[in-house]
Amino acid sequence: SSYADKYNTIVEKGALECNEIRGARKSLEELSKYYSLYINSTTPLDSLKRIITQRAMWKYFKGVYGGPNSKSENLHGILKKEKISIKKVLVVGDGKSDLELAQKFGCKFIGIGNMFNNFDGSSFKVLDDLTDLKNSVDELNL
């Protein structure tokens, strides 16, 4: 198998074994009652599906979009499906690519701070974990 396959296997194993971000499940439970939630990732779709199944999280998401498509291609698909204005879209993420996606499309962004992204919170809200995500989303008046 290729190096990419080996890498994806390692990433998937890590995703299955790591702890959830604090507040994740509770936030998904609350937000999925009021909003259409999607996963938009460059992780291969098959891997994403296995991770979501393993973590029993399908009930929270209206759709799951992964690789090989780009996050931009995925967001176009979500917008087409939802038929909504970009002003009603919120990207929540912990990566620079998540922030860049939100900036490129002109939608709102909430960052999840970690030691890799150096989010400073000057132009968007940064949370340490997901325990306060519902309140932060409510403040945006989407």
Foldseek 3Di string as FASTA:
>chain_A
DDPVVVVLVVVLVCLQPDDAFPQVVVLLVVVLVPDADEAQEQRPPVSVVVSCVSVVNPVSHPYYHYPPDHSLVVVVVVCVVVVDDLQLDEFEEAAPSSVVSCVVRVYAYEHAYDPPHPDPQPPHHYHVTCNCVVVRSVVSVD
